[in-house]
Each structure stands twice: as C-alpha cells, then as structure tokens.
C-alpha atoms as a PDB file:
ATOM      1  CA  MET A   1      -0.502 -17.218 -11.998  1.00  0.00           C
ATOM      2  CA  ASP A   2       0.921 -17.111  -8.489  1.00  0.00           C
ATOM      3  CA  LEU A   3      -0.943 -19.355  -5.910  1.00  0.00           C
ATOM      4  CA  LEU A   4      -1.686 -16.255  -3.850  1.00  0.00           C
ATOM      5  CA  CYS A   5      -3.718 -14.744  -6.646  1.00  0.00           C
ATOM      6  CA  THR A   6      -6.758 -16.840  -6.057  1.00  0.00           C
ATOM      7  CA  THR A   7      -6.963 -15.309  -2.476  1.00  0.00           C
ATOM      8  CA  CYS A   8      -6.185 -11.768  -3.462  1.00  0.00           C
ATOM      9  CA  ALA A   9      -8.901  -9.019  -3.232  1.00  0.00           C
ATOM     10  CA  TYR A  10      -8.017  -7.933  -6.808  1.00  0.00           C
ATOM     11  CA  TYR A  11      -8.589 -11.370  -8.323  1.00  0.00           C
ATOM     12  CA  ALA A  12     -12.037 -10.943 -10.106  1.00  0.00           C
ATOM     13  CA  TYR A  13     -13.929 -12.647 -12.886  1.00  0.00           C
ATOM     14  CA  ASP A  14     -14.054 -10.704 -16.263  1.00  0.00           C
ATOM     15  CA  GLU A  15     -17.172 -11.550 -18.310  1.00  0.00           C
ATOM     16  CA  ASP A  16     -15.479 -10.112 -21.302  1.00  0.00           C
ATOM     17  CA  TYR A  17     -12.458 -12.586 -21.239  1.00  0.00           C
ATOM     18  CA  GLU A  18     -14.527 -15.281 -19.473  1.00  0.00           C
ATOM     19  CA  GLU A  19     -11.779 -15.943 -16.992  1.00  0.00           C
ATOM     20  CA  TYR A  20     -10.381 -14.581 -13.774  1.00  0.00           C
ATOM     21  CA  VAL A  21      -7.856 -11.522 -14.017  1.00  0.00           C
ATOM     22  CA  CYS A  22      -6.085  -9.209 -11.789  1.00  0.00           C
ATOM     23  CA  ASP A  23      -8.289  -6.140 -11.350  1.00  0.00           C
ATOM     24  CA  CYS A  24      -5.559  -4.059  -9.738  1.00  0.00           C
ATOM     25  CA  GLN A  25      -5.305  -0.638 -11.492  1.00  0.00           C
ATOM     26  CA  LEU A  26      -1.440  -0.540 -12.593  1.00  0.00           C
ATOM     27  CA  ASP A  27       0.199   1.926 -14.744  1.00  0.00           C
ATOM     28  CA  GLU A  28       2.486   0.735 -17.711  1.00  0.00           C
ATOM     29  CA  ASP A  29       5.670   1.015 -15.475  1.00  0.00           C
ATOM     30  CA  ASP A  30       4.231  -1.001 -12.596  1.00  0.00           C
ATOM     31  CA  TYR A  31       3.025  -3.755 -14.978  1.00  0.00           C
ATOM     32  CA  TYR A  32       6.406  -3.803 -16.748  1.00  0.00           C
ATOM     33  CA  ARG A  33       8.264  -4.434 -13.445  1.00  0.00           C
ATOM     34  CA  ILE A  34       5.770  -7.054 -12.373  1.00  0.00           C
ATOM     35  CA  MET A  35       6.149  -8.788 -15.599  1.00  0.00           C
ATOM     36  CA  GLN A  36       9.895  -8.776 -15.300  1.00  0.00           C
ATOM     37  CA  GLY A  37       9.678 -10.991 -12.525  1.00  0.00           C
ATOM     38  CA  ASN A  38      11.950  -8.857 -10.054  1.00  0.00           C
ATOM     39  CA  TYR A  39       9.522  -9.567  -7.169  1.00  0.00           C
ATOM     40  CA  LYS A  40       9.347 -12.645  -5.078  1.00  0.00           C
ATOM     41  CA  SER A  41       5.620 -11.968  -4.394  1.00  0.00           C
ATOM     42  CA  CYS A  42       3.171  -9.354  -5.701  1.00  0.00           C
ATOM     43  CA  PRO A  43       3.571  -6.021  -4.080  1.00  0.00           C
ATOM     44  CA  TYR A  44      -0.084  -5.260  -4.648  1.00  0.00           C
ATOM     45  CA  TYR A  45      -1.528  -8.465  -3.082  1.00  0.00           C
ATOM     46  CA  ARG A  46      -4.387  -7.832  -0.572  1.00  0.00           C
ATOM     47  CA  ASN A  47      -5.935 -10.493   1.349  1.00  0.00           C
ATOM     48  CA  GLY A  48      -9.568 -11.141   0.088  1.00  0.00           C
ATOM     49  CA  ASP A  49     -10.411 -13.195   3.202  1.00  0.00           C
ATOM     50  CA  GLU A  50     -13.362 -11.194   4.480  1.00  0.00           C
ATOM     51  CA  TYR A  51     -13.457 -13.354   7.703  1.00  0.00           C
ATOM     52  CA  MET A  52      -9.815 -12.917   8.776  1.00  0.00           C
ATOM     53  CA  VAL A  53     -10.651 -10.133  11.139  1.00  0.00           C
ATOM     54  CA  VAL A  54     -13.388 -12.242  12.699  1.00  0.00           C
ATOM     55  CA  ARG A  55     -11.008 -15.197  13.271  1.00  0.00           C
ATOM     56  CA  LYS A  56      -8.487 -13.105  15.085  1.00  0.00           C
ATOM     57  CA  GLN A  57     -11.292 -11.920  17.516  1.00  0.00           C
ATOM     58  CA  ILE A  58     -12.124 -15.519  18.683  1.00  0.00           C
END
C-alpha cells in the first residue's frame, strides 16, 4: 500500500473483507498495469481531503 492510499477518496472500508481497500472501478487491463508497478504513483489517486478547498480560501 502506498502512503497516499490513506488520503485517497477511493480508499474505503470493506465490511466483507474487514479491511480498507481501493474502491476505484478498474478493468482488468488497468489493474494489471498497476500491479506491474510501472507507475511511480497511482494514476487514479483523488485527494479525499474535503476541507482542501476551504483552506485555499482562507
């Protein structure tokens, strides 16, 4: 798990697995490319910080 996963909007608790998982909807090809490790960071990462916009306004 990448450290950025914990702040990602797609990082959600799955009650069936009883752990946090990536909830981004990927097809098999995308999943394969990510698992190969060709990316330096996740291309699907979305900041889950809801207050980021508010801090920029201050």
